[in-house]
Amino acid sequence: MAQLIDFEARAMASLRRRVAEVEEANQDLIAFARGHSGAVSAIHAAVLAAMDAEGLDHLIHILTQEWPHILGLDAVALALFVEDRALRADSSGLQFVEPRVIARALCGLDGVVLRDVGRGHPLFGPASDLIRAEALIRLDAAPPLPSGLLALGQRAPQGFDTRHGAELLTFLGGAVSRMIGRWLLP
């Protein structure tokens, strides 16, 4: 006697499983888009705040004091060098440092690096021990303007989406470089 095989039940189960997988992927995509949109808005707000600076010292204040709140970070540090002079700024103030320190930090850094760390970059100063995720953004400028590094850090580790995050942070670094040039060129 022939046995009847029920293909309909198997096909329906397979179809339900595939619909559930597509729905989960769709929810992941929506969550990513919302997060990306929030990041874009925060970066735009940070750049607008920096554009309001009335001088280089005010710009450094905005970066190190206001940006952590605007960008949802725990620490922002800026390091600049030109020839034999270098400085580092963070929430605790401004310090002169050896240019080699910044040059060494830039060695091998091409554009933006996003990473989880056990301890933040030394340029964060006293906050280094608290930082578990950092973004290091190279700031390049033609002489006589300074080159340097913008460091963004937070206490919580992140699962970084490096492609989209790097694009936004490259824009942020470019804006900072241009604003620094605005205040240093006659």
Protein backbone atom coordinates (compact mmCIF):
# COMPACT_ATOMS: atom_id res chain seq x y z
CA MET A 1 0.00 0.00 0.00
CA ALA A 2 1.18 3.51 -0.75
CA GLN A 3 1.88 5.98 2.04
CA LEU A 4 0.57 9.54 1.77
CA ILE A 5 3.15 12.23 2.69
CA ASP A 6 1.82 15.53 4.08
CA PHE A 7 3.94 18.20 2.33
CA GLU A 8 1.60 20.99 3.38
CA ALA A 9 2.45 20.77 7.11
CA ARG A 10 6.19 20.72 6.41
CA ALA A 11 5.95 23.62 3.95
CA MET A 12 3.89 25.69 6.40
CA ALA A 13 6.36 25.05 9.24
CA SER A 14 9.28 26.03 7.00
CA LEU A 15 7.46 29.14 5.82
CA ARG A 16 6.63 30.19 9.41
CA ARG A 17 10.28 29.74 10.42
CA ARG A 18 11.50 31.84 7.48
CA VAL A 19 8.94 34.61 8.18
CA ALA A 20 10.11 34.71 11.84
CA GLU A 21 13.76 35.02 10.70
CA VAL A 22 12.89 37.85 8.31
CA GLU A 23 10.90 39.64 11.03
CA GLU A 24 13.86 39.38 13.44
CA ALA A 25 16.25 40.75 10.79
CA ASN A 26 13.79 43.58 10.11
CA GLN A 27 13.67 44.50 13.82
CA ASP A 28 17.48 44.49 13.96
CA LEU A 29 17.60 46.81 10.93
CA ILE A 30 15.07 49.20 12.49
CA ALA A 31 17.06 49.28 15.77
CA PHE A 32 20.27 50.01 13.84
CA ALA A 33 18.62 52.81 11.85
CA ARG A 34 17.27 54.43 15.02
CA GLY A 35 20.69 54.23 16.69
CA HIS A 36 22.46 55.56 13.61
CA SER A 37 20.01 58.44 13.37
CA GLY A 38 20.64 59.29 17.04
CA ALA A 39 24.40 59.23 16.47
CA VAL A 40 24.09 61.53 13.46
CA SER A 41 21.96 63.96 15.46
CA ALA A 42 24.44 63.96 18.37
CA ILE A 43 27.40 64.59 16.06
CA HIS A 44 25.56 67.43 14.32
CA ALA A 45 24.75 68.98 17.71
CA ALA A 46 28.40 68.65 18.79
CA VAL A 47 29.67 70.35 15.63
CA LEU A 48 27.13 73.16 15.99
CA ALA A 49 28.22 73.71 19.59
CA ALA A 50 31.87 73.84 18.49
CA MET A 51 31.03 76.33 15.75
CA ASP A 52 29.80 78.72 18.44
CA ALA A 53 33.30 78.89 19.97
CA GLU A 54 34.63 82.41 20.36
CA GLY A 55 38.28 81.39 20.35
CA LEU A 56 40.58 78.38 20.59
CA ASP A 57 40.37 78.22 24.39
CA HIS A 58 36.57 78.29 24.17
CA LEU A 59 36.66 75.55 21.51
CA ILE A 60 38.79 73.36 23.79
CA HIS A 61 36.33 74.00 26.63
CA ILE A 62 33.40 72.96 24.42
CA LEU A 63 35.19 69.80 23.28
CA THR A 64 36.32 68.65 26.72
CA GLN A 65 33.45 69.92 28.90
CA GLU A 66 30.31 70.01 26.74
CA TRP A 67 30.87 67.26 24.19
CA PRO A 68 30.76 64.44 26.75
CA HIS A 69 27.15 65.45 27.54
CA ILE A 70 26.18 66.10 23.92
CA LEU A 71 27.70 62.85 22.62
CA GLY A 72 26.82 60.67 25.62
CA LEU A 73 30.47 60.03 26.50
CA ASP A 74 32.46 59.92 29.71
CA ALA A 75 35.63 61.62 28.46
CA VAL A 76 36.95 63.69 25.57
CA ALA A 77 40.62 64.56 25.19
CA LEU A 78 42.39 66.62 22.56
CA ALA A 79 46.11 66.42 21.79
CA LEU A 80 47.83 68.77 19.35
CA PHE A 81 51.42 69.21 18.24
CA VAL A 82 53.34 71.41 15.87
CA GLU A 83 57.13 71.22 15.51
CA ASP A 84 58.57 71.06 19.04
CA ARG A 85 55.43 72.10 20.95
CA ALA A 86 52.55 69.91 22.06
CA LEU A 87 49.60 70.07 24.40
CA ARG A 88 46.92 67.80 25.77
CA ALA A 89 43.52 68.97 26.99
CA ASP A 90 40.82 67.12 28.87
CA SER A 91 38.23 67.90 31.53
CA SER A 92 40.97 68.50 34.10
CA GLY A 93 42.59 71.23 32.02
CA LEU A 94 45.41 71.92 29.60
CA GLN A 95 48.91 70.47 29.88
CA PHE A 96 52.02 70.79 27.78
CA VAL A 97 53.49 67.42 26.81
CA GLU A 98 56.39 66.11 24.80
CA PRO A 99 55.54 66.09 21.06
CA ARG A 100 56.89 62.52 20.91
CA VAL A 101 53.97 61.36 23.09
CA ILE A 102 51.44 62.52 20.52
CA ALA A 103 53.54 61.45 17.53
CA ARG A 104 53.77 57.95 19.04
CA ALA A 105 49.99 57.90 19.56
CA LEU A 106 49.49 58.78 15.89
CA CYS A 107 51.94 56.16 14.65
CA GLY A 108 49.94 53.60 12.69
CA LEU A 109 46.67 55.46 13.22
CA ASP A 110 45.07 56.07 9.86
CA GLY A 111 41.81 57.99 10.21
CA VAL A 112 39.69 56.51 13.00
CA VAL A 113 40.10 53.58 15.38
CA LEU A 114 37.12 52.30 17.38
CA ARG A 115 37.88 49.70 20.02
CA ASP A 116 37.08 48.19 23.38
CA VAL A 117 40.00 48.46 25.80
CA GLY A 118 40.98 47.30 29.28
CA ARG A 119 42.30 50.79 30.01
CA GLY A 120 41.83 54.00 28.03
CA HIS A 121 44.55 55.71 26.03
CA PRO A 122 47.02 57.67 28.20
CA LEU A 123 45.90 60.90 26.52
CA PHE A 124 42.69 60.64 28.58
CA GLY A 125 44.83 61.52 31.59
CA PRO A 126 43.25 60.66 34.95
CA ALA A 127 40.16 59.22 33.23
CA SER A 128 42.26 56.52 31.48
CA ASP A 129 41.58 53.96 34.21
CA LEU A 130 37.81 54.28 33.73
CA ILE A 131 37.64 54.08 29.92
CA ARG A 132 36.55 50.72 28.42
CA ALA A 133 35.70 51.87 24.88
CA GLU A 134 37.46 54.53 22.87
CA ALA A 135 37.46 56.21 19.51
CA LEU A 136 40.75 57.74 18.41
CA ILE A 137 40.41 60.24 15.58
CA ARG A 138 43.45 61.51 13.71
CA LEU A 139 43.49 65.27 13.14
CA ASP A 140 45.61 66.19 10.14
CA ALA A 141 46.41 69.72 9.06
CA ALA A 142 48.93 71.29 6.75
CA PRO A 143 51.73 73.29 8.43
CA PRO A 144 51.80 75.72 10.11
CA LEU A 145 48.64 74.28 11.72
CA PRO A 146 48.93 71.58 14.37
CA SER A 147 48.13 67.93 13.82
CA GLY A 148 46.89 65.73 16.57
CA LEU A 149 44.38 63.35 18.01
CA LEU A 150 40.83 63.59 19.30
CA ALA A 151 40.04 60.83 21.81
CA LEU A 152 36.46 59.96 22.79
CA GLY A 153 35.92 57.50 25.62
CA GLN A 154 33.26 55.83 27.67
CA ARG A 155 33.10 53.51 30.65
CA ALA A 156 30.94 50.83 29.05
CA PRO A 157 32.41 48.51 26.40
CA GLN A 158 30.77 48.78 22.99
CA GLY A 159 30.15 46.47 20.10
CA PHE A 160 31.25 49.00 17.50
CA ASP A 161 29.87 49.12 13.97
CA THR A 162 33.15 50.40 12.60
CA ARG A 163 32.07 51.27 9.06
CA HIS A 164 29.27 53.69 9.89
CA GLY A 165 30.81 54.91 13.14
CA ALA A 166 34.11 55.67 11.43
CA GLU A 167 32.39 57.76 8.75
CA LEU A 168 30.66 59.92 11.35
CA LEU A 169 33.81 60.30 13.44
CA THR A 170 35.89 61.18 10.38
CA PHE A 171 33.45 64.02 9.76
CA LEU A 172 33.72 65.07 13.42
CA GLY A 173 37.53 65.08 13.24
CA GLY A 174 37.52 67.07 10.01
CA ALA A 175 35.23 69.67 11.56
CA VAL A 176 37.48 69.99 14.62
CA SER A 177 40.60 70.37 12.44
CA ARG A 178 38.98 73.15 10.43
CA MET A 179 37.77 74.96 13.54
CA ILE A 180 41.23 74.83 15.08
CA GLY A 181 42.62 76.28 11.86
CA ARG A 182 40.02 79.01 11.97
CA TRP A 183 41.39 80.24 15.30
CA LEU A 184 45.08 79.77 14.59
CA LEU A 185 45.40 81.33 11.14
CA PRO A 186 45.46 85.13 10.95
